[in-house]
Amino acid sequence: MTDKNRALLLSVAGLALFTLGGYRIFTNNLETMSILVAYIFFICGLIGFVSNVVKLSKTPRT
């Protein structure tokens, strides 16, 4: 797996965590998930998404 594919896959995973945490925080529909876990997903997903997009933008295009 190339670095570009890995960064793209990890950015999608970070976006999914960010979305899941945000959905729980803002809509309160997932009552089985703790609000603490939702904030952890929200923050870690945002950090992961941004860092992988930055990494993806720095990789040379071939």
Protein backbone atom coordinates (compact mmCIF):
# COMPACT_ATOMS: atom_id res chain seq x y z
CA MET A 1 0.00 0.00 0.00
CA THR A 2 1.47 3.33 -1.00
CA ASP A 3 1.69 6.29 1.34
CA LYS A 4 -0.85 8.21 -0.71
CA ASN A 5 -3.44 5.42 -0.49
CA ARG A 6 -2.82 5.00 3.22
CA ALA A 7 -3.23 8.73 3.91
CA LEU A 8 -6.44 8.79 1.88
CA LEU A 9 -7.87 5.79 3.74
CA LEU A 10 -6.94 7.23 7.13
CA SER A 11 -8.46 10.61 6.26
CA VAL A 12 -11.75 8.90 5.38
CA ALA A 13 -11.61 7.00 8.69
CA GLY A 14 -10.96 10.25 10.57
CA LEU A 15 -13.87 11.89 8.81
CA ALA A 16 -16.11 8.96 9.78
CA LEU A 17 -15.13 9.26 13.46
CA PHE A 18 -15.65 13.02 13.34
CA THR A 19 -19.09 12.58 11.77
CA LEU A 20 -20.18 9.90 14.24
CA GLY A 21 -19.11 11.97 17.24
CA GLY A 22 -20.72 15.11 15.85
CA TYR A 23 -23.94 13.26 15.12
CA ARG A 24 -24.16 12.08 18.74
CA ILE A 25 -23.28 15.50 20.16
CA PHE A 26 -25.59 17.63 18.04
CA THR A 27 -28.63 15.37 17.57
CA ASN A 28 -28.61 13.19 20.71
CA ASN A 29 -30.01 10.25 18.71
CA LEU A 30 -27.38 7.68 19.74
CA GLU A 31 -28.29 7.46 23.41
CA THR A 32 -26.32 4.27 24.01
CA MET A 33 -23.05 6.07 23.25
CA SER A 34 -21.62 8.04 26.14
CA ILE A 35 -21.21 11.77 25.60
CA LEU A 36 -17.56 11.44 26.64
CA VAL A 37 -16.95 8.87 23.92
CA ALA A 38 -18.70 11.14 21.44
CA TYR A 39 -16.38 14.03 22.31
CA ILE A 40 -13.34 11.74 22.03
CA PHE A 41 -14.49 10.55 18.59
CA PHE A 42 -15.21 14.15 17.55
CA ILE A 43 -11.81 15.52 18.59
CA CYS A 44 -9.69 12.55 17.48
CA GLY A 45 -11.53 12.31 14.17
CA LEU A 46 -10.95 16.00 13.49
CA ILE A 47 -7.25 15.74 14.35
CA GLY A 48 -6.83 12.61 12.26
CA PHE A 49 -8.67 14.05 9.27
CA VAL A 50 -6.74 17.31 9.25
CA SER A 51 -3.34 15.69 9.76
CA ASN A 52 -3.89 13.17 6.98
CA VAL A 53 -5.16 15.80 4.56
CA VAL A 54 -2.05 17.86 5.27
CA LYS A 55 0.11 14.76 4.76
CA LEU A 56 -1.75 14.00 1.53
CA SER A 57 -1.23 17.52 0.25
CA LYS A 58 2.52 17.29 0.89
CA THR A 59 3.01 14.04 -1.03
CA PRO A 60 4.34 14.56 -4.56
CA ARG A 61 1.86 13.93 -7.36
CA THR A 62 2.91 11.25 -9.79
